[in-house]
Amino acid sequence: MREWLVSADEGAMRLVYAINDSPHFSHYSAAAQVIAEGEGCRFVWTVDFLPDAMGPAQEGAMAAGIGAIGRVLAAAS
């Protein structure tokens, strides 16, 4: 599967992407955003997809993605 960049808003620290060529998803769009919060920030990752039956696989993929992001941030600090 290939992720296609839909939009990037540097000021809002937000990316929107879609997957258009998956044999498993009939619809897939997602947004990732960093939001300032106090002295830190919050990362919000939202995914909208069909069919619902792909939920368990998508949950695993997002858990792996969050793990990778955490490792990169830990190595950078």
C-alpha atoms as a PDB file:
ATOM      1  CA  MET A   1       0.000   0.000   0.000  1.00  0.00           C
ATOM      2  CA  ARG A   2       1.125   3.519  -0.695  1.00  0.00           C
ATOM      3  CA  GLU A   3       0.155   6.559   1.365  1.00  0.00           C
ATOM      4  CA  TRP A   4      -0.705   9.620  -0.748  1.00  0.00           C
ATOM      5  CA  LEU A   5      -0.236  13.087   0.736  1.00  0.00           C
ATOM      6  CA  VAL A   6      -3.543  14.979   0.537  1.00  0.00           C
ATOM      7  CA  SER A   7      -2.473  18.127   2.385  1.00  0.00           C
ATOM      8  CA  ALA A   8       0.215  19.452   4.686  1.00  0.00           C
ATOM      9  CA  ASP A   9      -0.397  22.487   6.893  1.00  0.00           C
ATOM     10  CA  GLU A  10       2.879  23.448   8.531  1.00  0.00           C
ATOM     11  CA  GLY A  11       1.263  26.168  10.658  1.00  0.00           C
ATOM     12  CA  ALA A  12      -1.311  23.749  12.075  1.00  0.00           C
ATOM     13  CA  MET A  13       1.323  20.958  12.220  1.00  0.00           C
ATOM     14  CA  ARG A  14      -1.152  18.674  10.412  1.00  0.00           C
ATOM     15  CA  LEU A  15      -0.808  16.112   7.617  1.00  0.00           C
ATOM     16  CA  VAL A  16      -3.685  14.438   5.811  1.00  0.00           C
ATOM     17  CA  TYR A  17      -3.105  11.336   3.720  1.00  0.00           C
ATOM     18  CA  ALA A  18      -5.059   8.616   1.943  1.00  0.00           C
ATOM     19  CA  ILE A  19      -4.518   5.095   0.662  1.00  0.00           C
ATOM     20  CA  ASN A  20      -6.045   4.629  -2.784  1.00  0.00           C
ATOM     21  CA  ASP A  21      -4.490   1.384  -3.984  1.00  0.00           C
ATOM     22  CA  SER A  22      -5.209  -1.163  -1.255  1.00  0.00           C
ATOM     23  CA  PRO A  23      -6.904  -4.465  -2.045  1.00  0.00           C
ATOM     24  CA  HIS A  24      -8.058  -4.569   1.600  1.00  0.00           C
ATOM     25  CA  PHE A  25      -9.600  -1.115   2.078  1.00  0.00           C
ATOM     26  CA  SER A  26     -12.412   0.345  -0.007  1.00  0.00           C
ATOM     27  CA  HIS A  27     -11.847   3.694   1.754  1.00  0.00           C
ATOM     28  CA  TYR A  28      -8.907   4.990   3.804  1.00  0.00           C
ATOM     29  CA  SER A  29      -8.138   8.542   4.888  1.00  0.00           C
ATOM     30  CA  ALA A  30      -6.147   9.758   7.866  1.00  0.00           C
ATOM     31  CA  ALA A  31      -4.876  12.871   9.598  1.00  0.00           C
ATOM     32  CA  ALA A  32      -1.925  13.315  11.938  1.00  0.00           C
ATOM     33  CA  GLN A  33      -1.512  16.486  13.965  1.00  0.00           C
ATOM     34  CA  VAL A  34       0.703  17.837  16.734  1.00  0.00           C
ATOM     35  CA  ILE A  35      -1.164  20.164  19.117  1.00  0.00           C
ATOM     36  CA  ALA A  36       0.578  22.421  21.638  1.00  0.00           C
ATOM     37  CA  GLU A  37      -0.538  21.605  25.169  1.00  0.00           C
ATOM     38  CA  GLY A  38       0.920  23.404  28.161  1.00  0.00           C
ATOM     39  CA  GLU A  39       4.686  23.043  28.036  1.00  0.00           C
ATOM     40  CA  GLY A  40       4.445  19.990  25.809  1.00  0.00           C
ATOM     41  CA  CYS A  41       2.306  18.727  22.995  1.00  0.00           C
ATOM     42  CA  ARG A  42      -0.220  16.081  22.052  1.00  0.00           C
ATOM     43  CA  PHE A  43      -0.122  13.879  18.942  1.00  0.00           C
ATOM     44  CA  VAL A  44      -3.537  13.127  17.439  1.00  0.00           C
ATOM     45  CA  TRP A  45      -3.822  10.468  14.728  1.00  0.00           C
ATOM     46  CA  THR A  46      -7.243   9.822  13.233  1.00  0.00           C
ATOM     47  CA  VAL A  47      -8.027   7.166  10.629  1.00  0.00           C
ATOM     48  CA  ASP A  48     -11.273   6.591   8.761  1.00  0.00           C
ATOM     49  CA  PHE A  49     -11.526   3.352   6.783  1.00  0.00           C
ATOM     50  CA  LEU A  50     -13.842   0.735   5.312  1.00  0.00           C
ATOM     51  CA  PRO A  51     -14.630  -2.093   5.655  1.00  0.00           C
ATOM     52  CA  ASP A  52     -15.060  -2.248   9.419  1.00  0.00           C
ATOM     53  CA  ALA A  53     -13.731  -5.818   9.354  1.00  0.00           C
ATOM     54  CA  MET A  54     -10.228  -4.361   8.864  1.00  0.00           C
ATOM     55  CA  GLY A  55     -10.409  -2.889  12.400  1.00  0.00           C
ATOM     56  CA  PRO A  56      -8.153  -5.445  14.125  1.00  0.00           C
ATOM     57  CA  ALA A  57      -5.481  -5.169  11.423  1.00  0.00           C
ATOM     58  CA  GLN A  58      -5.678  -1.374  11.508  1.00  0.00           C
ATOM     59  CA  GLU A  59      -5.382  -1.347  15.290  1.00  0.00           C
ATOM     60  CA  GLY A  60      -2.200  -3.428  15.040  1.00  0.00           C
ATOM     61  CA  ALA A  61      -0.752  -1.160  12.360  1.00  0.00           C
ATOM     62  CA  MET A  62      -1.441   1.963  14.416  1.00  0.00           C
ATOM     63  CA  ALA A  63       0.079   0.389  17.532  1.00  0.00           C
ATOM     64  CA  ALA A  64       3.219  -0.425  15.541  1.00  0.00           C
ATOM     65  CA  GLY A  65       3.293   3.125  14.138  1.00  0.00           C
ATOM     66  CA  ILE A  66       2.968   4.716  17.579  1.00  0.00           C
ATOM     67  CA  GLY A  67       5.738   2.426  18.838  1.00  0.00           C
ATOM     68  CA  ALA A  68       8.025   3.561  16.007  1.00  0.00           C
ATOM     69  CA  ILE A  69       7.248   7.237  16.681  1.00  0.00           C
ATOM     70  CA  GLY A  70       8.007   6.700  20.380  1.00  0.00           C
ATOM     71  CA  ARG A  71      11.365   5.096  19.609  1.00  0.00           C
ATOM     72  CA  VAL A  72      12.371   7.956  17.300  1.00  0.00           C
ATOM     73  CA  LEU A  73      11.381  10.583  19.881  1.00  0.00           C
ATOM     74  CA  ALA A  74      13.202   8.728  22.682  1.00  0.00           C
ATOM     75  CA  ALA A  75      16.364   8.509  20.579  1.00  0.00           C
ATOM     76  CA  ALA A  76      16.175  12.226  19.750  1.00  0.00           C
ATOM     77  CA  SER A  77      15.926  13.322  23.383  1.00  0.00           C
END
